[in-house]
N, C-alpha and C. Protein backbone atom coordinates (compact mmCIF):
# COMPACT_ATOMS: atom_id res chain seq x y z
N MET A 1 6.04 12.58 5.36
CA MET A 1 7.14 11.23 4.51
C MET A 1 8.08 12.55 3.13
N TYR A 2 8.81 12.33 3.16
CA TYR A 2 10.42 13.80 2.17
C TYR A 2 9.31 13.35 0.52
N ILE A 3 8.92 14.32 -0.48
CA ILE A 3 8.56 14.06 -0.94
C ILE A 3 9.22 15.34 -2.18
N PRO A 4 10.43 14.84 -2.28
CA PRO A 4 10.54 16.03 -3.82
C PRO A 4 9.52 16.31 -5.00
N GLU A 5 9.12 17.41 -5.45
CA GLU A 5 8.27 17.43 -6.10
C GLU A 5 8.13 17.21 -7.45
N SER A 6 8.89 16.43 -7.65
CA SER A 6 9.13 15.13 -9.74
C SER A 6 8.57 14.05 -8.63
N PHE A 7 8.55 13.92 -7.56
CA PHE A 7 7.94 12.16 -7.12
C PHE A 7 6.66 11.94 -6.79
N ASN A 8 6.14 13.55 -6.67
CA ASN A 8 5.04 13.73 -5.58
C ASN A 8 3.21 13.85 -6.51
N GLU A 9 2.67 12.18 -5.73
CA GLU A 9 1.50 11.70 -6.38
C GLU A 9 0.18 12.58 -5.65
N GLU A 10 -0.51 12.76 -6.16
CA GLU A 10 -1.52 13.75 -5.88
C GLU A 10 -2.77 13.30 -5.79
N ARG A 11 -3.40 12.32 -7.21
CA ARG A 11 -4.07 12.12 -7.17
C ARG A 11 -4.97 11.19 -6.52
N LYS A 12 -6.66 11.19 -5.88
CA LYS A 12 -6.96 10.18 -5.11
C LYS A 12 -6.97 8.93 -5.62
N GLU A 13 -7.32 9.10 -6.78
CA GLU A 13 -7.85 7.53 -7.46
C GLU A 13 -6.49 6.95 -7.10
N VAL A 14 -5.48 6.94 -7.42
CA VAL A 14 -4.07 6.82 -7.76
C VAL A 14 -3.47 6.03 -7.20
N LEU A 15 -3.63 7.28 -5.57
CA LEU A 15 -3.53 6.75 -3.99
C LEU A 15 -4.16 5.57 -4.19
N HIS A 16 -5.53 5.70 -4.50
CA HIS A 16 -7.25 4.66 -3.94
C HIS A 16 -5.75 3.17 -4.73
N GLU A 17 -5.79 3.69 -5.88
CA GLU A 17 -5.87 2.22 -6.87
C GLU A 17 -4.49 1.80 -5.71
N LEU A 18 -3.33 1.93 -5.56
CA LEU A 18 -2.25 1.70 -5.23
C LEU A 18 -2.73 0.50 -3.91
N ILE A 19 -3.86 1.06 -2.95
CA ILE A 19 -3.95 1.02 -1.57
C ILE A 19 -4.53 -0.37 -1.94
N ARG A 20 -5.86 -0.77 -2.93
CA ARG A 20 -6.40 -1.41 -3.15
C ARG A 20 -5.88 -2.80 -4.02
N ASN A 21 -4.54 -2.24 -4.08
CA ASN A 21 -3.87 -3.24 -5.14
C ASN A 21 -2.33 -3.70 -3.95
N ASN A 22 -3.03 -2.95 -3.22
CA ASN A 22 -0.84 -3.54 -2.26
C ASN A 22 -1.81 -3.43 -0.44
N PRO A 23 -3.09 -4.19 -0.01
CA PRO A 23 -3.66 -3.91 0.81
C PRO A 23 -3.30 -4.49 2.16
N PHE A 24 -2.14 -5.25 1.95
CA PHE A 24 -1.24 -5.21 3.64
C PHE A 24 -0.51 -4.01 3.60
N GLY A 25 -1.14 -3.31 4.96
CA GLY A 25 -0.13 -2.17 4.82
C GLY A 25 0.19 -2.18 6.55
N MET A 26 0.86 -1.03 6.39
CA MET A 26 1.61 -1.10 8.57
C MET A 26 1.05 0.34 9.51
N ILE A 27 0.53 -0.55 10.09
CA ILE A 27 -0.58 0.79 11.11
C ILE A 27 0.53 0.91 11.92
N ILE A 28 1.14 1.93 11.65
CA ILE A 28 2.04 2.27 13.26
C ILE A 28 1.72 3.56 14.46
N SER A 29 1.13 2.96 15.24
CA SER A 29 0.75 4.79 16.86
C SER A 29 2.17 4.54 17.34
N ASN A 30 1.50 4.47 18.87
CA ASN A 30 2.69 5.33 20.08
C ASN A 30 2.13 4.79 21.29
N GLY A 31 3.04 3.69 21.46
CA GLY A 31 2.52 3.00 22.75
C GLY A 31 3.17 3.20 23.57
N ASP A 32 3.23 2.71 24.93
CA ASP A 32 3.91 2.58 26.42
C ASP A 32 5.21 3.16 26.13
N ARG A 33 6.10 2.47 25.63
CA ARG A 33 7.68 1.98 25.33
C ARG A 33 7.86 2.75 23.68
N GLY A 34 6.91 3.72 23.11
CA GLY A 34 7.79 4.26 21.97
C GLY A 34 6.40 3.22 20.53
N PRO A 35 7.09 3.24 19.48
CA PRO A 35 6.65 3.66 18.04
C PRO A 35 5.85 1.65 18.36
N VAL A 36 4.72 1.64 17.75
CA VAL A 36 4.03 0.57 17.85
C VAL A 36 3.83 0.27 16.23
N ALA A 37 3.72 -1.03 15.80
CA ALA A 37 3.38 -1.51 14.17
C ALA A 37 2.73 -2.78 14.21
N THR A 38 2.34 -2.44 13.34
CA THR A 38 1.29 -4.20 13.52
C THR A 38 0.85 -3.94 11.12
N SER A 39 1.21 -5.25 10.88
CA SER A 39 1.15 -5.22 9.27
C SER A 39 -0.16 -5.83 9.34
N VAL A 40 -1.14 -5.82 8.70
CA VAL A 40 -1.74 -6.06 8.07
C VAL A 40 -3.01 -6.10 6.90
N PRO A 41 -3.88 -7.03 7.01
CA PRO A 41 -4.38 -6.78 5.21
C PRO A 41 -5.14 -5.58 5.81
N ILE A 42 -5.51 -4.48 4.79
CA ILE A 42 -6.69 -3.38 4.77
C ILE A 42 -7.52 -3.44 3.82
N LEU A 43 -8.78 -3.46 4.07
CA LEU A 43 -10.29 -2.58 3.24
C LEU A 43 -9.91 -1.25 3.36
N LEU A 44 -10.30 -0.57 1.88
CA LEU A 44 -10.35 0.50 1.66
C LEU A 44 -11.78 1.15 1.08
N SER A 45 -12.31 1.63 2.00
CA SER A 45 -14.06 1.98 1.35
C SER A 45 -14.06 3.93 1.07
N GLN A 46 -14.90 3.73 0.32
CA GLN A 46 -14.96 5.52 0.19
C GLN A 46 -16.16 5.35 0.90
N ASN A 47 -16.24 6.58 1.98
CA ASN A 47 -18.01 7.19 2.25
C ASN A 47 -17.68 8.19 2.41
N GLU A 48 -18.59 9.39 3.60
CA GLU A 48 -18.84 10.50 3.33
C GLU A 48 -17.15 11.19 3.49
N SER A 49 -16.06 10.39 4.03
CA SER A 49 -15.11 11.50 3.94
C SER A 49 -14.01 11.23 3.18
N LYS A 50 -12.74 12.60 2.96
CA LYS A 50 -12.66 12.93 1.72
C LYS A 50 -12.02 11.98 1.30
N PHE A 51 -11.44 11.55 1.88
CA PHE A 51 -9.63 10.74 1.58
C PHE A 51 -10.33 9.08 1.87
N GLY A 52 -11.48 8.34 2.28
CA GLY A 52 -12.02 7.11 2.36
C GLY A 52 -11.69 6.79 4.15
N LEU A 53 -12.07 5.32 4.15
CA LEU A 53 -12.05 5.20 5.07
C LEU A 53 -11.14 3.50 5.53
N LEU A 54 -10.38 3.54 6.61
CA LEU A 54 -9.55 2.02 6.35
C LEU A 54 -10.28 1.42 7.36
N GLN A 55 -10.57 -0.32 7.16
CA GLN A 55 -11.44 -0.82 7.98
C GLN A 55 -9.79 -2.53 8.12
N CYS A 56 -9.65 -3.09 9.44
CA CYS A 56 -9.16 -4.02 9.06
C CYS A 56 -9.57 -4.81 10.65
N HIS A 57 -8.68 -6.10 11.24
CA HIS A 57 -8.98 -6.70 12.18
C HIS A 57 -7.31 -7.10 12.43
N ILE A 58 -7.31 -7.52 14.15
CA ILE A 58 -5.83 -7.46 14.16
C ILE A 58 -6.25 -9.03 15.59
N ALA A 59 -5.23 -9.90 16.03
CA ALA A 59 -5.20 -10.25 16.95
C ALA A 59 -6.04 -9.92 18.44
N ARG A 60 -7.02 -10.50 18.75
CA ARG A 60 -6.77 -9.81 20.21
C ARG A 60 -6.06 -10.62 21.12
N ALA A 61 -5.26 -11.33 20.87
CA ALA A 61 -4.02 -11.23 22.12
C ALA A 61 -2.61 -10.39 21.72
N ASN A 62 -2.87 -9.11 20.14
CA ASN A 62 -2.17 -8.04 19.70
C ASN A 62 -2.32 -7.60 20.62
N PRO A 63 -1.58 -6.22 21.77
CA PRO A 63 -1.86 -5.68 22.71
C PRO A 63 -1.56 -3.89 21.92
N HIS A 64 -1.21 -4.38 20.85
CA HIS A 64 -1.44 -2.86 20.04
C HIS A 64 -2.90 -2.72 20.68
N TRP A 65 -3.60 -3.38 19.78
CA TRP A 65 -4.89 -2.56 19.95
C TRP A 65 -5.69 -2.10 21.37
N LYS A 66 -4.82 -2.49 22.12
CA LYS A 66 -5.49 -1.41 23.93
C LYS A 66 -5.30 -0.26 23.81
N ASN A 67 -3.92 0.14 23.13
CA ASN A 67 -3.80 1.58 22.90
C ASN A 67 -3.87 2.70 21.95
N ILE A 68 -4.43 2.16 20.94
CA ILE A 68 -4.37 2.70 19.53
C ILE A 68 -6.13 3.86 19.72
N ASP A 69 -7.19 3.11 20.46
CA ASP A 69 -8.32 3.78 20.24
C ASP A 69 -8.17 5.31 20.47
N GLY A 70 -8.51 6.55 19.88
CA GLY A 70 -8.50 7.78 19.40
C GLY A 70 -6.74 8.43 19.62
N GLN A 71 -5.97 7.58 18.88
CA GLN A 71 -5.11 7.95 18.80
C GLN A 71 -5.30 9.02 17.16
N ASP A 72 -3.84 8.62 16.62
CA ASP A 72 -3.39 9.76 15.52
C ASP A 72 -3.06 8.45 14.97
N VAL A 73 -2.50 7.94 13.98
CA VAL A 73 -2.31 6.48 13.22
C VAL A 73 -1.65 6.96 12.13
N LEU A 74 -0.43 6.28 11.59
CA LEU A 74 0.42 6.32 10.27
C LEU A 74 0.24 4.80 9.68
N VAL A 75 -0.80 5.48 8.75
CA VAL A 75 -0.68 3.59 7.79
C VAL A 75 0.11 3.70 6.60
N ILE A 76 1.38 2.83 6.00
CA ILE A 76 1.87 3.01 5.49
C ILE A 76 1.72 1.42 4.45
N PHE A 77 1.62 2.33 2.77
CA PHE A 77 1.18 0.79 1.88
C PHE A 77 2.64 0.87 1.08
N GLN A 78 3.52 -0.03 0.91
CA GLN A 78 4.44 -0.24 -0.60
C GLN A 78 3.07 -0.72 -1.77
N GLY A 79 3.73 0.08 -2.66
CA GLY A 79 3.46 -0.27 -3.94
C GLY A 79 5.00 -1.24 -4.91
N GLU A 80 4.92 -1.51 -6.21
CA GLU A 80 5.82 -1.81 -6.71
C GLU A 80 7.53 -0.89 -6.56
N ASN A 81 8.90 -1.80 -6.02
CA ASN A 81 9.88 -1.24 -5.50
C ASN A 81 11.05 -1.96 -6.01
N ALA A 82 12.06 -1.97 -6.51
CA ALA A 82 13.22 -2.01 -6.80
C ALA A 82 14.30 -1.69 -7.06
N TYR A 83 15.60 -2.75 -6.99
CA TYR A 83 16.66 -2.03 -7.10
C TYR A 83 17.09 -0.72 -8.53
N ILE A 84 17.73 -0.35 -8.29
CA ILE A 84 18.65 0.46 -9.61
C ILE A 84 20.51 0.18 -9.82
N SER A 85 20.57 -0.38 -11.43
CA SER A 85 21.78 -1.22 -11.11
C SER A 85 22.30 1.02 -12.23
N PRO A 86 23.41 0.87 -11.38
CA PRO A 86 24.23 2.12 -12.51
C PRO A 86 24.57 1.80 -13.80
N ASN A 87 24.39 0.54 -14.19
CA ASN A 87 24.88 -0.82 -15.30
C ASN A 87 23.64 -0.22 -16.18
N TRP A 88 22.77 -0.07 -15.53
CA TRP A 88 21.44 0.14 -17.25
C TRP A 88 21.09 1.61 -17.39
N TYR A 89 21.92 2.83 -16.82
CA TYR A 89 22.26 3.84 -17.15
C TYR A 89 23.19 3.74 -18.51
N PRO A 90 22.59 4.50 -19.30
CA PRO A 90 23.58 4.77 -20.65
C PRO A 90 24.53 5.82 -20.51
N THR A 91 24.54 6.46 -19.29
CA THR A 91 25.71 7.90 -19.45
C THR A 91 26.68 7.42 -18.11
N LYS A 92 26.15 5.87 -17.98
CA LYS A 92 27.79 5.19 -17.17
C LYS A 92 28.88 5.18 -18.09
N GLU A 93 28.67 5.77 -19.34
CA GLU A 93 30.02 4.95 -20.26
C GLU A 93 30.20 6.29 -20.78
N GLU A 94 29.26 7.33 -20.71
CA GLU A 94 30.14 8.92 -21.01
C GLU A 94 30.77 9.26 -19.81
N ASN A 95 30.02 9.23 -18.51
CA ASN A 95 31.01 9.77 -17.52
C ASN A 95 31.29 9.13 -16.29
N GLY A 96 30.42 8.05 -16.51
CA GLY A 96 30.81 7.03 -14.76
C GLY A 96 30.28 8.22 -13.55
N MET A 97 29.60 8.93 -14.27
CA MET A 97 29.02 9.33 -12.90
C MET A 97 27.65 9.44 -12.24
N VAL A 98 27.28 8.05 -11.42
CA VAL A 98 25.89 7.29 -11.79
C VAL A 98 26.34 6.79 -10.37
N VAL A 99 25.16 6.29 -9.43
CA VAL A 99 25.40 5.18 -8.55
C VAL A 99 24.21 4.82 -8.08
N PRO A 100 24.07 3.00 -7.67
CA PRO A 100 22.60 3.06 -6.96
C PRO A 100 21.74 3.45 -6.69
N THR A 101 20.60 3.22 -6.83
CA THR A 101 19.45 3.91 -5.43
C THR A 101 18.23 2.77 -5.86
N TRP A 102 16.79 3.18 -5.90
CA TRP A 102 15.84 2.31 -5.74
C TRP A 102 15.01 2.92 -6.03
N ASN A 103 14.30 2.60 -7.20
CA ASN A 103 12.49 2.72 -7.30
C ASN A 103 11.49 1.88 -6.45
N TYR A 104 10.36 3.09 -6.18
CA TYR A 104 9.25 3.11 -5.27
C TYR A 104 7.84 3.46 -5.79
N ALA A 105 7.38 2.77 -5.22
CA ALA A 105 6.36 3.89 -5.41
C ALA A 105 5.13 3.10 -3.97
N MET A 106 4.87 4.94 -3.21
CA MET A 106 4.19 4.62 -1.87
C MET A 106 2.81 5.25 -1.08
N VAL A 107 2.39 5.30 -0.02
CA VAL A 107 0.77 6.08 -0.04
C VAL A 107 1.02 5.52 0.95
N GLN A 108 1.29 7.24 2.00
CA GLN A 108 1.54 7.11 3.39
C GLN A 108 -0.31 8.01 3.57
N ALA A 109 -0.68 7.27 4.98
CA ALA A 109 -2.31 7.60 5.14
C ALA A 109 -2.31 7.86 5.99
N ARG A 110 -2.95 8.92 6.68
CA ARG A 110 -2.56 9.35 8.15
C ARG A 110 -4.19 9.80 8.83
N GLY A 111 -4.95 9.06 9.73
CA GLY A 111 -6.06 9.23 10.32
C GLY A 111 -5.73 8.83 12.12
N VAL A 112 -7.14 9.27 12.98
CA VAL A 112 -7.82 8.96 13.82
C VAL A 112 -7.90 7.76 14.40
N ALA A 113 -7.70 6.42 14.56
CA ALA A 113 -8.20 5.11 14.58
C ALA A 113 -9.06 5.29 15.60
N ARG A 114 -10.25 4.18 15.71
CA ARG A 114 -11.06 3.40 16.15
C ARG A 114 -11.33 2.04 16.16
N VAL A 115 -11.62 1.60 18.07
CA VAL A 115 -11.42 -0.08 17.99
C VAL A 115 -12.78 -0.17 17.51
N VAL A 116 -12.85 -1.03 17.20
CA VAL A 116 -14.06 -1.96 16.57
C VAL A 116 -14.44 -2.88 17.51
N ASP A 117 -15.38 -3.65 18.86
CA ASP A 117 -15.67 -4.76 19.51
C ASP A 117 -16.66 -5.42 19.09
N ASP A 118 -17.06 -5.68 18.32
CA ASP A 118 -18.57 -6.57 17.76
C ASP A 118 -18.77 -7.12 16.55
N ALA A 119 -19.16 -8.04 16.93
CA ALA A 119 -18.96 -9.42 15.84
C ALA A 119 -19.83 -8.95 14.33
N GLY A 120 -20.90 -8.29 14.48
CA GLY A 120 -21.49 -7.84 13.37
C GLY A 120 -20.38 -7.95 12.75
N TRP A 121 -20.16 -5.57 12.58
CA TRP A 121 -18.92 -4.81 12.32
C TRP A 121 -18.06 -6.02 11.47
N LEU A 122 -17.07 -6.93 12.37
CA LEU A 122 -16.33 -7.81 12.83
C LEU A 122 -16.42 -8.61 11.26
N LYS A 123 -17.66 -9.48 11.39
CA LYS A 123 -18.22 -10.45 10.06
C LYS A 123 -18.06 -9.83 8.94
N GLU A 124 -18.69 -8.43 8.79
CA GLU A 124 -18.79 -8.05 7.76
C GLU A 124 -17.21 -7.34 7.38
N GLN A 125 -16.60 -6.94 8.23
CA GLN A 125 -14.73 -6.80 7.69
C GLN A 125 -14.17 -8.14 6.86
N ILE A 126 -14.45 -8.91 7.59
CA ILE A 126 -14.13 -10.31 6.90
C ILE A 126 -13.97 -10.51 5.68
N THR A 127 -15.85 -10.45 5.98
CA THR A 127 -16.35 -10.99 4.27
C THR A 127 -16.06 -10.07 3.49
N ALA A 128 -15.87 -8.61 3.26
CA ALA A 128 -15.57 -7.84 2.55
C ALA A 128 -14.28 -7.72 1.64
N LEU A 129 -13.91 -7.98 2.93
CA LEU A 129 -11.54 -8.58 2.67
C LEU A 129 -11.78 -9.46 1.80
N THR A 130 -12.26 -10.41 2.58
CA THR A 130 -12.63 -11.91 1.67
C THR A 130 -12.51 -11.95 0.34
N ASN A 131 -13.22 -10.94 -0.04
CA ASN A 131 -14.44 -11.06 -1.19
C ASN A 131 -12.93 -10.16 -1.82
N GLN A 132 -12.29 -9.63 -2.02
CA GLN A 132 -11.71 -8.51 -2.06
C GLN A 132 -10.55 -9.48 -2.18
N ALA A 133 -10.16 -9.69 -1.59
CA ALA A 133 -8.93 -10.59 -1.83
C ALA A 133 -9.50 -12.12 -2.90
N GLU A 134 -10.36 -12.81 -2.98
CA GLU A 134 -10.88 -14.08 -3.55
C GLU A 134 -11.06 -13.56 -5.07
N ARG A 135 -11.49 -12.16 -5.72
CA ARG A 135 -12.09 -11.72 -6.71
C ARG A 135 -11.22 -11.90 -8.02
N GLY A 136 -11.23 -12.30 -8.80
CA GLY A 136 -10.15 -13.30 -9.80
C GLY A 136 -10.10 -14.71 -9.80
N PHE A 137 -10.44 -15.28 -9.18
CA PHE A 137 -10.06 -16.65 -8.66
C PHE A 137 -10.98 -17.73 -9.04
N SER A 138 -11.53 -18.56 -10.29
CA SER A 138 -12.45 -19.23 -10.86
C SER A 138 -13.42 -20.20 -9.74
N ARG A 139 -12.77 -20.34 -8.55
CA ARG A 139 -13.83 -20.70 -7.70
C ARG A 139 -13.44 -20.15 -6.39
N PRO A 140 -14.33 -19.12 -6.39
CA PRO A 140 -13.70 -18.06 -4.91
C PRO A 140 -14.56 -18.71 -3.65
N TRP A 141 -13.48 -18.47 -2.67
CA TRP A 141 -13.61 -18.85 -1.27
C TRP A 141 -14.28 -17.66 -0.69
N LYS A 142 -15.38 -18.25 -0.03
CA LYS A 142 -17.03 -17.13 0.56
C LYS A 142 -16.49 -17.55 2.15
N VAL A 143 -16.93 -16.34 2.98
CA VAL A 143 -17.08 -17.03 4.53
C VAL A 143 -18.14 -17.95 4.49
N SER A 144 -18.69 -17.74 4.29
CA SER A 144 -19.98 -18.69 4.04
C SER A 144 -19.90 -19.82 3.80
N ASP A 145 -18.63 -19.49 3.71
CA ASP A 145 -18.79 -21.69 2.83
C ASP A 145 -18.45 -22.13 4.14
N ALA A 146 -17.31 -21.82 5.30
CA ALA A 146 -17.12 -21.90 6.17
C ALA A 146 -18.90 -23.14 7.29
N PRO A 147 -18.91 -23.26 8.31
CA PRO A 147 -19.80 -23.12 9.40
C PRO A 147 -19.76 -22.21 10.17
N ALA A 148 -20.83 -21.79 10.06
CA ALA A 148 -21.64 -20.51 11.21
C ALA A 148 -21.00 -20.74 12.36
N ASP A 149 -20.86 -21.40 13.32
CA ASP A 149 -20.47 -21.12 14.59
C ASP A 149 -19.04 -21.66 14.83
N TYR A 150 -17.89 -22.32 13.46
CA TYR A 150 -16.24 -21.66 13.58
C TYR A 150 -16.75 -20.44 13.26
N ILE A 151 -16.84 -19.51 12.63
CA ILE A 151 -16.67 -18.37 11.70
C ILE A 151 -16.64 -17.33 12.99
N ASP A 152 -18.63 -17.46 13.47
CA ASP A 152 -18.15 -16.91 15.07
C ASP A 152 -17.42 -17.37 16.24
N GLY A 153 -16.93 -18.19 16.00
CA GLY A 153 -16.02 -18.31 17.58
C GLY A 153 -14.59 -18.34 16.43
N GLN A 154 -13.68 -18.24 15.79
CA GLN A 154 -12.89 -17.40 14.92
C GLN A 154 -12.85 -15.83 15.88
N ILE A 155 -14.00 -15.12 15.06
CA ILE A 155 -14.23 -13.82 15.02
C ILE A 155 -14.52 -13.19 16.87
N LYS A 156 -14.36 -14.15 17.04
CA LYS A 156 -14.40 -14.08 19.17
C LYS A 156 -12.81 -13.62 19.76
N GLY A 157 -11.98 -13.89 18.51
CA GLY A 157 -10.23 -14.10 18.74
C GLY A 157 -9.56 -13.10 18.10
N ILE A 158 -10.69 -12.28 17.37
CA ILE A 158 -10.01 -11.24 16.93
C ILE A 158 -10.81 -9.82 16.98
N ILE A 159 -10.43 -8.42 17.06
CA ILE A 159 -10.51 -7.03 17.41
C ILE A 159 -10.84 -5.69 15.89
N GLY A 160 -11.86 -5.23 15.98
CA GLY A 160 -11.61 -3.97 14.62
C GLY A 160 -10.89 -3.31 14.87
N ILE A 161 -10.30 -2.97 13.96
CA ILE A 161 -9.79 -0.70 13.84
C ILE A 161 -9.93 -0.49 12.46
N GLU A 162 -10.42 0.97 12.78
CA GLU A 162 -11.18 1.97 11.74
C GLU A 162 -10.03 2.93 11.80
N ILE A 163 -10.55 4.00 10.73
CA ILE A 163 -9.22 4.83 10.57
C ILE A 163 -9.62 5.16 9.63
N LYS A 164 -10.83 6.93 10.14
CA LYS A 164 -11.15 7.44 8.72
C LYS A 164 -9.72 8.25 8.17
N VAL A 165 -9.30 8.37 7.38
CA VAL A 165 -8.35 9.06 6.50
C VAL A 165 -8.23 10.65 6.53
N ASP A 166 -7.68 11.17 7.12
CA ASP A 166 -7.30 12.85 6.41
C ASP A 166 -6.52 13.09 6.18
N SER A 167 -5.49 12.81 5.96
CA SER A 167 -4.22 12.93 4.71
C SER A 167 -4.47 11.68 3.92
N LEU A 168 -3.96 11.76 2.46
CA LEU A 168 -2.57 10.72 1.94
C LEU A 168 -1.84 11.45 1.04
N GLU A 169 -1.26 10.90 1.25
CA GLU A 169 0.26 11.46 0.51
C GLU A 169 0.96 9.45 -0.36
N GLY A 170 1.43 10.43 -1.44
CA GLY A 170 1.77 9.58 -2.12
C GLY A 170 3.82 10.10 -2.96
N LYS A 171 4.43 8.78 -3.21
CA LYS A 171 5.73 9.35 -3.39
C LYS A 171 5.42 8.02 -4.87
N TRP A 172 5.62 8.47 -5.75
CA TRP A 172 6.23 7.85 -7.32
C TRP A 172 7.66 8.26 -7.33
N LYS A 173 8.26 7.29 -7.19
CA LYS A 173 10.15 6.71 -7.18
C LYS A 173 10.12 6.42 -8.34
N VAL A 174 10.18 6.79 -9.28
CA VAL A 174 10.47 5.96 -10.44
C VAL A 174 11.06 6.40 -11.77
N SER A 175 12.17 6.92 -11.29
CA SER A 175 13.53 7.37 -12.50
C SER A 175 13.18 8.83 -13.63
N GLN A 176 12.31 9.79 -12.47
CA GLN A 176 11.75 10.75 -13.08
C GLN A 176 13.33 12.05 -13.05
N ASN A 177 14.00 11.76 -11.91
CA ASN A 177 15.01 12.43 -11.46
C ASN A 177 16.24 12.49 -12.54
N ARG A 178 16.19 10.94 -13.48
CA ARG A 178 17.40 10.63 -14.72
C ARG A 178 17.01 11.62 -16.05
N SER A 179 18.14 11.38 -16.20
CA SER A 179 17.97 11.90 -18.51
C SER A 179 16.81 11.39 -18.73
N VAL A 180 16.27 11.35 -20.15
CA VAL A 180 15.92 10.61 -21.35
C VAL A 180 16.39 9.12 -21.18
N LYS A 181 17.03 9.15 -21.91
CA LYS A 181 17.85 8.14 -22.49
C LYS A 181 18.57 7.41 -21.17
N ASP A 182 18.19 7.62 -20.04
CA ASP A 182 18.43 6.69 -18.97
C ASP A 182 17.48 6.29 -18.59
N ARG A 183 16.43 6.83 -17.92
CA ARG A 183 15.20 6.58 -18.29
C ARG A 183 14.86 5.15 -19.01
N HIS A 184 15.01 5.35 -20.07
CA HIS A 184 14.41 4.62 -21.36
C HIS A 184 15.46 3.18 -20.68
N GLY A 185 16.90 3.06 -20.62
CA GLY A 185 17.68 2.21 -20.31
C GLY A 185 17.50 1.53 -18.92
N VAL A 186 16.52 2.10 -17.95
CA VAL A 186 15.92 1.28 -17.05
C VAL A 186 14.32 0.19 -17.42
N ALA A 187 13.60 1.85 -18.43
CA ALA A 187 12.68 0.92 -18.80
C ALA A 187 12.81 -0.48 -19.60
N ASN A 188 13.52 -0.19 -20.52
CA ASN A 188 14.42 -1.74 -20.99
C ASN A 188 14.45 -2.71 -20.21
N HIS A 189 15.53 -2.89 -19.08
CA HIS A 189 15.88 -3.79 -18.25
C HIS A 189 14.74 -4.42 -17.76
N PHE A 190 13.82 -3.22 -17.26
CA PHE A 190 12.75 -4.24 -16.12
C PHE A 190 11.71 -5.15 -17.34
N ASP A 191 11.98 -4.69 -18.39
CA ASP A 191 11.03 -4.77 -19.97
C ASP A 191 11.58 -6.56 -19.74
N SER A 192 13.08 -6.17 -19.70
CA SER A 192 13.99 -7.84 -20.22
C SER A 192 14.32 -8.68 -19.11
N VAL A 193 13.34 -8.42 -17.76
CA VAL A 193 13.25 -9.27 -16.78
C VAL A 193 12.06 -9.93 -16.73
N GLY A 194 11.36 -8.60 -17.16
CA GLY A 194 10.00 -9.01 -16.95
C GLY A 194 9.01 -8.47 -15.81
N ASN A 195 10.09 -7.39 -15.27
CA ASN A 195 9.32 -6.90 -14.89
C ASN A 195 8.39 -5.58 -15.20
N THR A 196 6.97 -6.30 -16.12
CA THR A 196 6.51 -5.04 -16.35
C THR A 196 5.82 -3.69 -15.56
N GLU A 197 5.41 -3.90 -14.62
CA GLU A 197 4.80 -3.03 -13.85
C GLU A 197 5.92 -1.91 -14.06
N MET A 198 7.38 -2.03 -12.92
CA MET A 198 7.77 -1.24 -13.32
C MET A 198 8.75 -0.01 -14.52
N ALA A 199 8.60 -1.48 -14.87
CA ALA A 199 9.37 -0.32 -16.70
C ALA A 199 7.71 0.92 -17.30
N ALA A 200 6.25 0.17 -16.83
CA ALA A 200 4.79 0.84 -17.10
C ALA A 200 5.39 1.41 -16.24
N LEU A 201 5.90 1.75 -15.06
CA LEU A 201 6.06 3.11 -14.21
C LEU A 201 7.13 3.81 -14.28
N VAL A 202 7.70 3.53 -14.72
CA VAL A 202 9.21 4.08 -15.34
C VAL A 202 8.84 5.69 -16.74
N ARG A 203 7.91 4.47 -17.40
CA ARG A 203 7.40 4.71 -19.29
C ARG A 203 6.48 5.62 -18.73
N GLU A 204 5.71 4.90 -17.82
CA GLU A 204 4.33 6.75 -17.53
C GLU A 204 4.69 7.83 -17.04
N TYR A 205 5.37 7.90 -15.75
CA TYR A 205 5.91 8.86 -14.99
C TYR A 205 7.19 9.46 -15.41
N GLY A 206 8.21 9.21 -16.30
CA GLY A 206 8.84 9.43 -17.16
C GLY A 206 8.76 9.95 -18.42
N GLY A 207 7.41 10.53 -18.53
CA GLY A 207 6.82 10.32 -19.97
C GLY A 207 7.06 9.69 -21.31
N LEU A 208 7.69 8.33 -21.06
CA LEU A 208 7.96 7.94 -22.38
C LEU A 208 6.49 7.11 -23.11
N LYS A 209 5.69 7.11 -21.91
CA LYS A 209 4.78 6.81 -22.23
C LYS A 209 4.70 6.12 -23.95
N GLY A 210 3.77 5.06 -24.49
CA GLY A 210 4.31 4.88 -26.05
C GLY A 210 5.49 4.79 -27.08
N GLU A 211 6.22 5.48 -26.25
CA GLU A 211 7.93 5.09 -27.09
C GLU A 211 8.46 3.69 -27.01
N ILE A 212 9.22 3.80 -27.97
CA ILE A 212 10.02 2.47 -28.08
C ILE A 212 11.47 2.70 -27.79
């Protein structure tokens, strides 16, 4: 991933937080006829590896799993992102030398994939993934709420994929390359439309945190 120094984010805890908050990732590998991609919810766990372990499941009918075992794969997690209009830059009124762009936060993980065809492993994976997705609900649904034989039947239709992460890259492009007043303009716009997440990122990475 192309990452200018001003957009580089290397803190593992920050990268892990984006993955956990945006678990719907895209797994990309090489197939017989070129790149193959599958988007799935992915569970991140911290094991003995430096960067963690990614676990997911896909439909057994999806042919992606048949050529992924032992392959180096790329997994993309997309965080907050939004269009940036030149109209939000105060410098537009000064010289007009501004163009549109896009702000975003993204993590790319790389590692070797392992196919897991084991009912016990799959049940643990779907249970942990469900518990993560249901947290915060007043009445969270649990895998055990469904009949056991029904869950066992559903598990027969999926296959597991596990990726020990060898490298993590993070890119937080959130207006750091603009002037201070332009950063304020962008952050204030997102506050005005209720996108407090992007406003907070612009202020934090633009050195504006706590300023008005």
